Amino acid sequence: MRQGEFIDRWRVRRGGRLVFAENVRLDGDIGEKLSRPAVAKGGVAIGTALIAPGDEALVERIRESSESFGGEVGISAWNGFAMARFCAQDAARLRADMMTVLGRVSGRALPRLWLN
């Protein structure tokens, strides 16, 4: 990708009170920006999963699967949330990593839609 614009804006409220806010913006030569080590180290597929409820026990359960990840996966928990960030060399690896994480969250099989 030579030129583009990607904007992702999250706002999560609990009881009307803002508890999480994030803005992500990539524009211009997105491919060049994703190639930077501090951004995506050449990864072209990125994703985020905000998991509620989430705690340190969940984070540890997910980290037990880290050897199976095909891309980079980072996860942390705070204030009753867990957030997983994904970066992979292609969409198939990203999807596989997300399936692994989401499967560990519920402990149950993922919906059929994810398995096709």
PDB file of N, CA and C in Angstrom:
ATOM      1  N   MET A   1       0.854  -1.165   0.000  1.00  0.00           N
ATOM      2  CA  MET A   1       0.000   0.000   0.000  1.00  0.00           C
ATOM      3  C   MET A   1       0.903   1.233   0.000  1.00  0.00           C
ATOM      4  N   ARG A   2       0.618   2.133  -0.888  1.00  0.00           N
ATOM      5  CA  ARG A   2       1.421   3.353  -0.998  1.00  0.00           C
ATOM      6  C   ARG A   2       0.782   4.526  -0.279  1.00  0.00           C
ATOM      7  N   GLN A   3      -0.503   4.707  -0.435  1.00  0.00           N
ATOM      8  CA  GLN A   3      -1.204   5.823   0.189  1.00  0.00           C
ATOM      9  C   GLN A   3      -2.526   5.334   0.758  1.00  0.00           C
ATOM     10  N   GLY A   4      -2.894   5.866   1.886  1.00  0.00           N
ATOM     11  CA  GLY A   4      -4.179   5.508   2.466  1.00  0.00           C
ATOM     12  C   GLY A   4      -4.393   6.223   3.776  1.00  0.00           C
ATOM     13  N   GLU A   5      -5.524   5.904   4.373  1.00  0.00           N
ATOM     14  CA  GLU A   5      -5.846   6.465   5.675  1.00  0.00           C
ATOM     15  C   GLU A   5      -6.646   5.431   6.452  1.00  0.00           C
ATOM     16  N   PHE A   6      -6.188   5.151   7.657  1.00  0.00           N
ATOM     17  CA  PHE A   6      -6.874   4.224   8.562  1.00  0.00           C
ATOM     18  C   PHE A   6      -7.073   4.961   9.877  1.00  0.00           C
ATOM     19  N   ILE A   7      -8.321   5.034  10.317  1.00  0.00           N
ATOM     20  CA  ILE A   7      -8.634   5.681  11.592  1.00  0.00           C
ATOM     21  C   ILE A   7      -9.500   4.729  12.395  1.00  0.00           C
ATOM     22  N   ASP A   8      -9.103   4.487  13.628  1.00  0.00           N
ATOM     23  CA  ASP A   8      -9.857   3.609  14.527  1.00  0.00           C
ATOM     24  C   ASP A   8     -10.026   4.365  15.846  1.00  0.00           C
ATOM     25  N   ARG A   9     -11.259   4.552  16.272  1.00  0.00           N
ATOM     26  CA  ARG A   9     -11.539   5.328  17.484  1.00  0.00           C
ATOM     27  C   ARG A   9     -12.432   4.500  18.403  1.00  0.00           C
ATOM     28  N   TRP A  10     -11.954   4.249  19.607  1.00  0.00           N
ATOM     29  CA  TRP A  10     -12.707   3.475  20.597  1.00  0.00           C
ATOM     30  C   TRP A  10     -13.095   4.380  21.759  1.00  0.00           C
ATOM     31  N   ARG A  11     -14.321   4.215  22.207  1.00  0.00           N
ATOM     32  CA  ARG A  11     -14.796   4.839  23.440  1.00  0.00           C
ATOM     33  C   ARG A  11     -15.655   3.796  24.155  1.00  0.00           C
ATOM     34  N   VAL A  12     -15.284   3.450  25.378  1.00  0.00           N
ATOM     35  CA  VAL A  12     -16.049   2.479  26.163  1.00  0.00           C
ATOM     36  C   VAL A  12     -16.511   3.183  27.430  1.00  0.00           C
ATOM     37  N   ARG A  13     -17.776   3.042  27.694  1.00  0.00           N
ATOM     38  CA  ARG A  13     -18.359   3.662  28.881  1.00  0.00           C
ATOM     39  C   ARG A  13     -18.986   2.590  29.764  1.00  0.00           C
ATOM     40  N   ARG A  14     -18.878   2.800  31.048  1.00  0.00           N
ATOM     41  CA  ARG A  14     -19.542   1.958  32.059  1.00  0.00           C
ATOM     42  C   ARG A  14     -20.397   2.876  32.893  1.00  0.00           C
ATOM     43  N   GLY A  15     -21.699   2.600  32.918  1.00  0.00           N
ATOM     44  CA  GLY A  15     -22.591   3.454  33.688  1.00  0.00           C
ATOM     45  C   GLY A  15     -22.526   4.908  33.251  1.00  0.00           C
ATOM     46  N   GLY A  16     -22.308   5.147  31.958  1.00  0.00           N
ATOM     47  CA  GLY A  16     -22.224   6.489  31.432  1.00  0.00           C
ATOM     48  C   GLY A  16     -20.870   7.159  31.609  1.00  0.00           C
ATOM     49  N   ARG A  17     -19.968   6.521  32.307  1.00  0.00           N
ATOM     50  CA  ARG A  17     -18.640   7.099  32.589  1.00  0.00           C
ATOM     51  C   ARG A  17     -17.605   6.517  31.636  1.00  0.00           C
ATOM     52  N   LEU A  18     -16.816   7.368  31.016  1.00  0.00           N
ATOM     53  CA  LEU A  18     -15.771   6.929  30.106  1.00  0.00           C
ATOM     54  C   LEU A  18     -14.703   6.161  30.887  1.00  0.00           C
ATOM     55  N   VAL A  19     -14.457   4.904  30.490  1.00  0.00           N
ATOM     56  CA  VAL A  19     -13.458   4.085  31.181  1.00  0.00           C
ATOM     57  C   VAL A  19     -12.315   3.677  30.263  1.00  0.00           C
ATOM     58  N   PHE A  20     -12.482   3.884  28.963  1.00  0.00           N
ATOM     59  CA  PHE A  20     -11.413   3.557  28.021  1.00  0.00           C
ATOM     60  C   PHE A  20     -11.585   4.411  26.776  1.00  0.00           C
ATOM     61  N   ALA A  21     -10.479   4.974  26.297  1.00  0.00           N
ATOM     62  CA  ALA A  21     -10.500   5.760  25.063  1.00  0.00           C
ATOM     63  C   ALA A  21      -9.187   5.538  24.323  1.00  0.00           C
ATOM     64  N   GLU A  22      -9.300   5.418  23.009  1.00  0.00           N
ATOM     65  CA  GLU A  22      -8.100   5.214  22.195  1.00  0.00           C
ATOM     66  C   GLU A  22      -8.363   5.710  20.785  1.00  0.00           C
ATOM     67  N   ASN A  23      -7.370   6.333  20.201  1.00  0.00           N
ATOM     68  CA  ASN A  23      -7.395   6.732  18.803  1.00  0.00           C
ATOM     69  C   ASN A  23      -6.166   6.157  18.121  1.00  0.00           C
ATOM     70  N   VAL A  24      -6.363   5.559  16.949  1.00  0.00           N
ATOM     71  CA  VAL A  24      -5.262   5.081  16.120  1.00  0.00           C
ATOM     72  C   VAL A  24      -5.446   5.704  14.754  1.00  0.00           C
ATOM     73  N   ARG A  25      -4.365   6.237  14.221  1.00  0.00           N
ATOM     74  CA  ARG A  25      -4.443   6.825  12.889  1.00  0.00           C
ATOM     75  C   ARG A  25      -3.174   6.498  12.122  1.00  0.00           C
ATOM     76  N   LEU A  26      -3.350   5.915  10.962  1.00  0.00           N
ATOM     77  CA  LEU A  26      -2.261   5.683  10.016  1.00  0.00           C
ATOM     78  C   LEU A  26      -2.665   6.355   8.718  1.00  0.00           C
ATOM     79  N   ASP A  27      -1.806   7.217   8.194  1.00  0.00           N
ATOM     80  CA  ASP A  27      -2.126   7.833   6.909  1.00  0.00           C
ATOM     81  C   ASP A  27      -0.846   8.034   6.114  1.00  0.00           C
ATOM     82  N   GLY A  28      -1.014   8.398   4.864  1.00  0.00           N
ATOM     83  CA  GLY A  28       0.134   8.558   3.986  1.00  0.00           C
ATOM     84  C   GLY A  28       0.593   7.208   3.472  1.00  0.00           C
ATOM     85  N   ASP A  29       1.903   6.985   3.465  1.00  0.00           N
ATOM     86  CA  ASP A  29       2.474   5.721   3.000  1.00  0.00           C
ATOM     87  C   ASP A  29       2.385   4.699   4.139  1.00  0.00           C
ATOM     88  N   ILE A  30       1.238   4.053   4.251  1.00  0.00           N
ATOM     89  CA  ILE A  30       0.970   3.131   5.361  1.00  0.00           C
ATOM     90  C   ILE A  30       1.938   1.955   5.342  1.00  0.00           C
ATOM     91  N   GLY A  31       2.246   1.425   4.177  1.00  0.00           N
ATOM     92  CA  GLY A  31       3.188   0.311   4.077  1.00  0.00           C
ATOM     93  C   GLY A  31       4.544   0.652   4.663  1.00  0.00           C
ATOM     94  N   GLU A  32       5.032   1.853   4.388  1.00  0.00           N
ATOM     95  CA  GLU A  32       6.321   2.280   4.935  1.00  0.00           C
ATOM     96  C   GLU A  32       6.242   2.405   6.454  1.00  0.00           C
ATOM     97  N   LYS A  33       5.145   2.947   6.945  1.00  0.00           N
ATOM     98  CA  LYS A  33       4.986   3.098   8.389  1.00  0.00           C
ATOM     99  C   LYS A  33       4.914   1.737   9.080  1.00  0.00           C
ATOM    100  N   LEU A  34       4.190   0.783   8.484  1.00  0.00           N
ATOM    101  CA  LEU A  34       4.094  -0.552   9.084  1.00  0.00           C
ATOM    102  C   LEU A  34       5.428  -1.291   9.043  1.00  0.00           C
ATOM    103  N   SER A  35       6.309  -0.913   8.150  1.00  0.00           N
ATOM    104  CA  SER A  35       7.617  -1.578   8.082  1.00  0.00           C
ATOM    105  C   SER A  35       8.549  -1.156   9.220  1.00  0.00           C
ATOM    106  N   ARG A  36       8.247  -0.054   9.880  1.00  0.00           N
ATOM    107  CA  ARG A  36       9.103   0.428  10.971  1.00  0.00           C
ATOM    108  C   ARG A  36       9.054  -0.529  12.162  1.00  0.00           C
ATOM    109  N   PRO A  37      10.214  -0.821  12.767  1.00  0.00           N
ATOM    110  CA  PRO A  37      10.254  -1.751  13.902  1.00  0.00           C
ATOM    111  C   PRO A  37       9.335  -1.353  15.057  1.00  0.00           C
ATOM    112  N   ALA A  38       9.227  -0.081  15.357  1.00  0.00           N
ATOM    113  CA  ALA A  38       8.418   0.356  16.495  1.00  0.00           C
ATOM    114  C   ALA A  38       6.923   0.387  16.184  1.00  0.00           C
ATOM    115  N   VAL A  39       6.557   0.235  14.918  1.00  0.00           N
ATOM    116  CA  VAL A  39       5.142   0.267  14.542  1.00  0.00           C
ATOM    117  C   VAL A  39       4.626  -1.150  14.353  1.00  0.00           C
ATOM    118  N   ALA A  40       5.109  -1.858  13.326  1.00  0.00           N
ATOM    119  CA  ALA A  40       4.617  -3.224  13.073  1.00  0.00           C
ATOM    120  C   ALA A  40       5.709  -4.164  12.584  1.00  0.00           C
ATOM    121  N   LYS A  41       6.934  -3.685  12.491  1.00  0.00           N
ATOM    122  CA  LYS A  41       8.082  -4.508  12.091  1.00  0.00           C
ATOM    123  C   LYS A  41       7.789  -5.300  10.814  1.00  0.00           C
ATOM    124  N   GLY A  42       7.106  -4.659   9.865  1.00  0.00           N
ATOM    125  CA  GLY A  42       6.815  -5.306   8.590  1.00  0.00           C
ATOM    126  C   GLY A  42       5.510  -6.061   8.554  1.00  0.00           C
ATOM    127  N   GLY A  43       4.830  -6.172   9.677  1.00  0.00           N
ATOM    128  CA  GLY A  43       3.529  -6.838   9.678  1.00  0.00           C
ATOM    129  C   GLY A  43       2.521  -6.036   8.875  1.00  0.00           C
ATOM    130  N   VAL A  44       1.614  -6.716   8.211  1.00  0.00           N
ATOM    131  CA  VAL A  44       0.615  -6.013   7.403  1.00  0.00           C
ATOM    132  C   VAL A  44      -0.804  -6.247   7.909  1.00  0.00           C
ATOM    133  N   ALA A  45      -0.948  -7.105   8.885  1.00  0.00           N
ATOM    134  CA  ALA A  45      -2.275  -7.388   9.465  1.00  0.00           C
ATOM    135  C   ALA A  45      -2.219  -7.043  10.949  1.00  0.00           C
ATOM    136  N   ILE A  46      -3.091  -6.131  11.372  1.00  0.00           N
ATOM    137  CA  ILE A  46      -3.119  -5.720  12.764  1.00  0.00           C
ATOM    138  C   ILE A  46      -4.541  -5.813  13.291  1.00  0.00           C
ATOM    139  N   GLY A  47      -4.669  -6.061  14.574  1.00  0.00           N
ATOM    140  CA  GLY A  47      -5.989  -6.159  15.178  1.00  0.00           C
ATOM    141  C   GLY A  47      -5.929  -5.938  16.672  1.00  0.00           C
ATOM    142  N   THR A  48      -7.084  -5.679  17.245  1.00  0.00           N
ATOM    143  CA  THR A  48      -7.221  -5.449  18.675  1.00  0.00           C
ATOM    144  C   THR A  48      -8.473  -6.152  19.166  1.00  0.00           C
ATOM    145  N   ALA A  49      -8.378  -6.774  20.332  1.00  0.00           N
ATOM    146  CA  ALA A  49      -9.556  -7.348  20.990  1.00  0.00           C
ATOM    147  C   ALA A  49      -9.620  -6.787  22.404  1.00  0.00           C
ATOM    148  N   LEU A  50     -10.716  -6.133  22.714  1.00  0.00           N
ATOM    149  CA  LEU A  50     -10.968  -5.642  24.068  1.00  0.00           C
ATOM    150  C   LEU A  50     -11.887  -6.652  24.735  1.00  0.00           C
ATOM    151  N   ILE A  51     -11.440  -7.225  25.838  1.00  0.00           N
ATOM    152  CA  ILE A  51     -12.140  -8.336  26.480  1.00  0.00           C
ATOM    153  C   ILE A  51     -12.650  -7.876  27.838  1.00  0.00           C
ATOM    154  N   ALA A  52     -13.956  -8.014  28.039  1.00  0.00           N
ATOM    155  CA  ALA A  52     -14.560  -7.642  29.322  1.00  0.00           C
ATOM    156  C   ALA A  52     -15.519  -8.747  29.741  1.00  0.00           C
ATOM    157  N   PRO A  53     -15.397  -9.256  30.937  1.00  0.00           N
ATOM    158  CA  PRO A  53     -14.389  -8.891  31.926  1.00  0.00           C
ATOM    159  C   PRO A  53     -13.042  -9.518  31.587  1.00  0.00           C
ATOM    160  N   GLY A  54     -12.002  -8.913  32.110  1.00  0.00           N
ATOM    161  CA  GLY A  54     -10.658  -9.424  31.914  1.00  0.00           C
ATOM    162  C   GLY A  54      -9.814  -9.104  33.127  1.00  0.00           C
ATOM    163  N   ASP A  55      -8.934 -10.030  33.489  1.00  0.00           N
ATOM    164  CA  ASP A  55      -8.079  -9.834  34.657  1.00  0.00           C
ATOM    165  C   ASP A  55      -6.736 -10.520  34.428  1.00  0.00           C
ATOM    166  N   GLU A  56      -5.863 -10.443  35.403  1.00  0.00           N
ATOM    167  CA  GLU A  56      -4.527 -11.031  35.278  1.00  0.00           C
ATOM    168  C   GLU A  56      -4.575 -12.548  35.100  1.00  0.00           C
ATOM    169  N   ALA A  57      -5.549 -13.210  35.702  1.00  0.00           N
ATOM    170  CA  ALA A  57      -5.669 -14.663  35.525  1.00  0.00           C
ATOM    171  C   ALA A  57      -5.940 -14.989  34.057  1.00  0.00           C
ATOM    172  N   LEU A  58      -6.791 -14.214  33.415  1.00  0.00           N
ATOM    173  CA  LEU A  58      -7.066 -14.410  31.995  1.00  0.00           C
ATOM    174  C   LEU A  58      -5.814 -14.148  31.171  1.00  0.00           C
ATOM    175  N   VAL A  59      -5.095 -13.089  31.496  1.00  0.00           N
ATOM    176  CA  VAL A  59      -3.861 -12.768  30.782  1.00  0.00           C
ATOM    177  C   VAL A  59      -2.889 -13.940  30.874  1.00  0.00           C
ATOM    178  N   GLU A  60      -2.719 -14.497  32.043  1.00  0.00           N
ATOM    179  CA  GLU A  60      -1.814 -15.635  32.212  1.00  0.00           C
ATOM    180  C   GLU A  60      -2.283 -16.856  31.419  1.00  0.00           C
ATOM    181  N   ARG A  61      -3.589 -17.113  31.394  1.00  0.00           N
ATOM    182  CA  ARG A  61      -4.141 -18.236  30.634  1.00  0.00           C
ATOM    183  C   ARG A  61      -3.842 -18.066  29.140  1.00  0.00           C
ATOM    184  N   ILE A  62      -3.953 -16.851  28.657  1.00  0.00           N
ATOM    185  CA  ILE A  62      -3.659 -16.583  27.244  1.00  0.00           C
ATOM    186  C   ILE A  62      -2.162 -16.701  26.978  1.00  0.00           C
ATOM    187  N   ARG A  63      -1.353 -16.197  27.876  1.00  0.00           N
ATOM    188  CA  ARG A  63       0.105 -16.264  27.686  1.00  0.00           C
ATOM    189  C   ARG A  63       0.615 -17.696  27.648  1.00  0.00           C
ATOM    190  N   GLU A  64      -0.119 -18.621  28.243  1.00  0.00           N
ATOM    191  CA  GLU A  64       0.267 -20.036  28.180  1.00  0.00           C
ATOM    192  C   GLU A  64       0.263 -20.553  26.746  1.00  0.00           C
ATOM    193  N   SER A  65      -0.454 -19.882  25.859  1.00  0.00           N
ATOM    194  CA  SER A  65      -0.540 -20.281  24.454  1.00  0.00           C
ATOM    195  C   SER A  65       0.472 -19.570  23.573  1.00  0.00           C
ATOM    196  N   SER A  66       1.329 -18.765  24.146  1.00  0.00           N
ATOM    197  CA  SER A  66       2.193 -17.890  23.355  1.00  0.00           C
ATOM    198  C   SER A  66       3.098 -18.630  22.367  1.00  0.00           C
ATOM    199  N   GLU A  67       3.466 -19.850  22.666  1.00  0.00           N
ATOM    200  CA  GLU A  67       4.337 -20.603  21.752  1.00  0.00           C
ATOM    201  C   GLU A  67       3.645 -20.913  20.433  1.00  0.00           C
ATOM    202  N   SER A  68       2.314 -20.905  20.425  1.00  0.00           N
ATOM    203  CA  SER A  68       1.580 -21.243  19.203  1.00  0.00           C
ATOM    204  C   SER A  68       1.291 -20.028  18.321  1.00  0.00           C
ATOM    205  N   PHE A  69       1.601 -18.834  18.784  1.00  0.00           N
ATOM    206  CA  PHE A  69       1.288 -17.640  17.995  1.00  0.00           C
ATOM    207  C   PHE A  69       2.180 -17.546  16.763  1.00  0.00           C
ATOM    208  N   GLY A  70       1.570 -17.228  15.628  1.00  0.00           N
ATOM    209  CA  GLY A  70       2.316 -17.058  14.387  1.00  0.00           C
ATOM    210  C   GLY A  70       2.794 -15.642  14.176  1.00  0.00           C
ATOM    211  N   GLY A  71       2.225 -14.704  14.925  1.00  0.00           N
ATOM    212  CA  GLY A  71       2.619 -13.300  14.838  1.00  0.00           C
ATOM    213  C   GLY A  71       2.945 -12.785  16.225  1.00  0.00           C
ATOM    214  N   GLU A  72       2.913 -11.483  16.363  1.00  0.00           N
ATOM    215  CA  GLU A  72       3.144 -10.851  17.659  1.00  0.00           C
ATOM    216  C   GLU A  72       1.807 -10.652  18.359  1.00  0.00           C
ATOM    217  N   VAL A  73       1.740 -11.039  19.621  1.00  0.00           N
ATOM    218  CA  VAL A  73       0.527 -10.844  20.415  1.00  0.00           C
ATOM    219  C   VAL A  73       0.941 -10.278  21.762  1.00  0.00           C
ATOM    220  N   GLY A  74       0.338  -9.168  22.123  1.00  0.00           N
ATOM    221  CA  GLY A  74       0.572  -8.569  23.434  1.00  0.00           C
ATOM    222  C   GLY A  74      -0.748  -8.482  24.162  1.00  0.00           C
ATOM    223  N   ILE A  75      -0.743  -8.766  25.453  1.00  0.00           N
ATOM    224  CA  ILE A  75      -1.991  -8.711  26.218  1.00  0.00           C
ATOM    225  C   ILE A  75      -1.715  -8.159  27.603  1.00  0.00           C
ATOM    226  N   SER A  76      -2.643  -7.354  28.080  1.00  0.00           N
ATOM    227  CA  SER A  76      -2.547  -6.817  29.432  1.00  0.00           C
ATOM    228  C   SER A  76      -3.956  -6.629  29.980  1.00  0.00           C
ATOM    229  N   ALA A  77      -4.036  -6.417  31.285  1.00  0.00           N
ATOM    230  CA  ALA A  77      -5.331  -6.237  31.942  1.00  0.00           C
ATOM    231  C   ALA A  77      -5.252  -5.072  32.913  1.00  0.00           C
ATOM    232  N   TRP A  78      -6.365  -4.376  33.054  1.00  0.00           N
ATOM    233  CA  TRP A  78      -6.498  -3.279  34.010  1.00  0.00           C
ATOM    234  C   TRP A  78      -7.978  -2.953  34.163  1.00  0.00           C
ATOM    235  N   ASN A  79      -8.369  -2.505  35.320  1.00  0.00           N
ATOM    236  CA  ASN A  79      -9.741  -2.039  35.593  1.00  0.00           C
ATOM    237  C   ASN A  79     -10.845  -2.968  35.087  1.00  0.00           C
ATOM    238  N   GLY A  80     -10.621  -4.269  35.147  1.00  0.00           N
ATOM    239  CA  GLY A  80     -11.659  -5.203  34.731  1.00  0.00           C
ATOM    240  C   GLY A  80     -11.693  -5.506  33.249  1.00  0.00           C
ATOM    241  N   PHE A  81     -10.742  -4.961  32.475  1.00  0.00           N
ATOM    242  CA  PHE A  81     -10.628  -5.229  31.045  1.00  0.00           C
ATOM    243  C   PHE A  81      -9.340  -5.982  30.770  1.00  0.00           C
ATOM    244  N   ALA A  82      -9.320  -6.683  29.659  1.00  0.00           N
ATOM    245  CA  ALA A  82      -8.073  -7.187  29.091  1.00  0.00           C
ATOM    246  C   ALA A  82      -8.055  -6.720  27.639  1.00  0.00           C
ATOM    247  N   MET A  83      -6.887  -6.405  27.152  1.00  0.00           N
ATOM    248  CA  MET A  83      -6.758  -6.004  25.758  1.00  0.00           C
ATOM    249  C   MET A  83      -5.647  -6.809  25.124  1.00  0.00           C
ATOM    250  N   ALA A  84      -5.962  -7.391  23.973  1.00  0.00           N
ATOM    251  CA  ALA A  84      -4.971  -8.123  23.191  1.00  0.00           C
ATOM    252  C   ALA A  84      -4.720  -7.349  21.903  1.00  0.00           C
ATOM    253  N   ARG A  85      -3.468  -7.181  21.578  1.00  0.00           N
ATOM    254  CA  ARG A  85      -3.064  -6.526  20.326  1.00  0.00           C
ATOM    255  C   ARG A  85      -2.357  -7.557  19.462  1.00  0.00           C
ATOM    256  N   PHE A  86      -2.676  -7.532  18.183  1.00  0.00           N
ATOM    257  CA  PHE A  86      -2.164  -8.525  17.248  1.00  0.00           C
ATOM    258  C   PHE A  86      -1.465  -7.843  16.084  1.00  0.00           C
ATOM    259  N   CYS A  87      -0.368  -8.434  15.631  1.00  0.00           N
ATOM    260  CA  CYS A  87       0.327  -7.978  14.441  1.00  0.00           C
ATOM    261  C   CYS A  87       0.926  -9.216  13.776  1.00  0.00           C
ATOM    262  N   ALA A  88       0.641  -9.391  12.493  1.00  0.00           N
ATOM    263  CA  ALA A  88       1.125 -10.582  11.793  1.00  0.00           C
ATOM    264  C   ALA A  88       1.530 -10.237  10.371  1.00  0.00           C
ATOM    265  N   GLN A  89       2.243 -11.150   9.759  1.00  0.00           N
ATOM    266  CA  GLN A  89       2.707 -10.963   8.389  1.00  0.00           C
ATOM    267  C   GLN A  89       1.595 -11.121   7.358  1.00  0.00           C
ATOM    268  N   ASP A  90       0.493 -11.743   7.755  1.00  0.00           N
ATOM    269  CA  ASP A  90      -0.643 -11.883   6.840  1.00  0.00           C
ATOM    270  C   ASP A  90      -1.919 -12.117   7.643  1.00  0.00           C
ATOM    271  N   ALA A  91      -3.050 -11.991   6.955  1.00  0.00           N
ATOM    272  CA  ALA A  91      -4.350 -12.091   7.616  1.00  0.00           C
ATOM    273  C   ALA A  91      -4.621 -13.482   8.174  1.00  0.00           C
ATOM    274  N   ALA A  92      -4.115 -14.524   7.531  1.00  0.00           N
ATOM    275  CA  ALA A  92      -4.350 -15.885   8.020  1.00  0.00           C
ATOM    276  C   ALA A  92      -3.690 -16.097   9.386  1.00  0.00           C
ATOM    277  N   ARG A  93      -2.464 -15.613   9.541  1.00  0.00           N
ATOM    278  CA  ARG A  93      -1.785 -15.737  10.846  1.00  0.00           C
ATOM    279  C   ARG A  93      -2.484 -14.906  11.911  1.00  0.00           C
ATOM    280  N   LEU A  94      -2.913 -13.707  11.535  1.00  0.00           N
ATOM    281  CA  LEU A  94      -3.632 -12.854  12.483  1.00  0.00           C
ATOM    282  C   LEU A  94      -4.908 -13.552  12.948  1.00  0.00           C
ATOM    283  N   ARG A  95      -5.659 -14.103  12.012  1.00  0.00           N
ATOM    284  CA  ARG A  95      -6.908 -14.794  12.341  1.00  0.00           C
ATOM    285  C   ARG A  95      -6.652 -15.988  13.263  1.00  0.00           C
ATOM    286  N   ALA A  96      -5.619 -16.764  12.963  1.00  0.00           N
ATOM    287  CA  ALA A  96      -5.293 -17.928  13.801  1.00  0.00           C
ATOM    288  C   ALA A  96      -4.938 -17.487  15.221  1.00  0.00           C
ATOM    289  N   ASP A  97      -4.159 -16.414  15.345  1.00  0.00           N
ATOM    290  CA  ASP A  97      -3.800 -15.923  16.673  1.00  0.00           C
ATOM    291  C   ASP A  97      -5.030 -15.415  17.420  1.00  0.00           C
ATOM    292  N   MET A  98      -5.900 -14.693  16.711  1.00  0.00           N
ATOM    293  CA  MET A  98      -7.122 -14.204  17.358  1.00  0.00           C
ATOM    294  C   MET A  98      -8.000 -15.368  17.801  1.00  0.00           C
ATOM    295  N   MET A  99      -8.091 -16.412  16.982  1.00  0.00           N
ATOM    296  CA  MET A  99      -8.888 -17.585  17.359  1.00  0.00           C
ATOM    297  C   MET A  99      -8.324 -18.245  18.614  1.00  0.00           C
ATOM    298  N   THR A 100      -6.998 -18.331  18.697  1.00  0.00           N
ATOM    299  CA  THR A 100      -6.373 -18.926  19.875  1.00  0.00           C
ATOM    300  C   THR A 100      -6.704 -18.110  21.124  1.00  0.00           C
ATOM    301  N   VAL A 101      -6.533 -16.797  21.035  1.00  0.00           N
ATOM    302  CA  VAL A 101      -6.803 -15.933  22.188  1.00  0.00           C
ATOM    303  C   VAL A 101      -8.270 -16.002  22.577  1.00  0.00           C
ATOM    304  N   LEU A 102      -9.166 -15.832  21.625  1.00  0.00           N
ATOM    305  CA  LEU A 102     -10.599 -15.829  21.947  1.00  0.00           C
ATOM    306  C   LEU A 102     -11.065 -17.189  22.459  1.00  0.00           C
ATOM    307  N   GLY A 103     -10.470 -18.257  21.970  1.00  0.00           N
ATOM    308  CA  GLY A 103     -10.790 -19.587  22.490  1.00  0.00           C
ATOM    309  C   GLY A 103     -10.372 -19.751  23.940  1.00  0.00           C
ATOM    310  N   ARG A 104      -9.236 -19.149  24.311  1.00  0.00           N
ATOM    311  CA  ARG A 104      -8.775 -19.214  25.709  1.00  0.00           C
ATOM    312  C   ARG A 104      -9.637 -18.352  26.617  1.00  0.00           C
ATOM    313  N   VAL A 105     -10.233 -17.294  26.059  1.00  0.00           N
ATOM    314  CA  VAL A 105     -11.073 -16.407  26.866  1.00  0.00           C
ATOM    315  C   VAL A 105     -12.292 -17.150  27.369  1.00  0.00           C
ATOM    316  N   SER A 106     -12.997 -17.814  26.471  1.00  0.00           N
ATOM    317  CA  SER A 106     -14.263 -18.446  26.851  1.00  0.00           C
ATOM    318  C   SER A 106     -14.087 -19.878  27.330  1.00  0.00           C
ATOM    319  N   GLY A 107     -13.050 -20.551  26.852  1.00  0.00           N
ATOM    320  CA  GLY A 107     -12.891 -21.957  27.199  1.00  0.00           C
ATOM    321  C   GLY A 107     -13.847 -22.852  26.418  1.00  0.00           C
ATOM    322  N   ARG A 108     -14.617 -22.271  25.530  1.00  0.00           N
ATOM    323  CA  ARG A 108     -15.572 -23.025  24.704  1.00  0.00           C
ATOM    324  C   ARG A 108     -15.183 -22.895  23.241  1.00  0.00           C
ATOM    325  N   ALA A 109     -15.805 -23.708  22.411  1.00  0.00           N
ATOM    326  CA  ALA A 109     -15.561 -23.622  20.975  1.00  0.00           C
ATOM    327  C   ALA A 109     -16.044 -22.271  20.451  1.00  0.00           C
ATOM    328  N   LEU A 110     -15.312 -21.752  19.492  1.00  0.00           N
ATOM    329  CA  LEU A 110     -15.713 -20.491  18.868  1.00  0.00           C
ATOM    330  C   LEU A 110     -16.932 -20.729  17.969  1.00  0.00           C
ATOM    331  N   PRO A 111     -17.679 -19.678  17.685  1.00  0.00           N
ATOM    332  CA  PRO A 111     -18.820 -19.826  16.771  1.00  0.00           C
ATOM    333  C   PRO A 111     -18.379 -20.361  15.420  1.00  0.00           C
ATOM    334  N   ARG A 112     -19.256 -21.070  14.750  1.00  0.00           N
ATOM    335  CA  ARG A 112     -18.938 -21.677  13.452  1.00  0.00           C
ATOM    336  C   ARG A 112     -18.396 -20.672  12.449  1.00  0.00           C
ATOM    337  N   LEU A 113     -18.890 -19.450  12.515  1.00  0.00           N
ATOM    338  CA  LEU A 113     -18.435 -18.414  11.606  1.00  0.00           C
ATOM    339  C   LEU A 113     -16.917 -18.272  11.640  1.00  0.00           C
ATOM    340  N   TRP A 114     -16.305 -18.383  12.813  1.00  0.00           N
ATOM    341  CA  TRP A 114     -14.861 -18.264  12.951  1.00  0.00           C
ATOM    342  C   TRP A 114     -14.121 -19.496  12.455  1.00  0.00           C
ATOM    343  N   LEU A 115     -14.803 -20.612  12.361  1.00  0.00           N
ATOM    344  CA  LEU A 115     -14.153 -21.867  12.033  1.00  0.00           C
ATOM    345  C   LEU A 115     -14.143 -22.160  10.543  1.00  0.00           C
ATOM    346  N   ASN A 116     -14.849 -21.396   9.753  1.00  0.00           N
ATOM    347  CA  ASN A 116     -14.904 -21.625   8.292  1.00  0.00           C
ATOM    348  C   ASN A 116     -13.737 -20.986   7.596  1.00  0.00           C
TER     349      ASN A 116
END
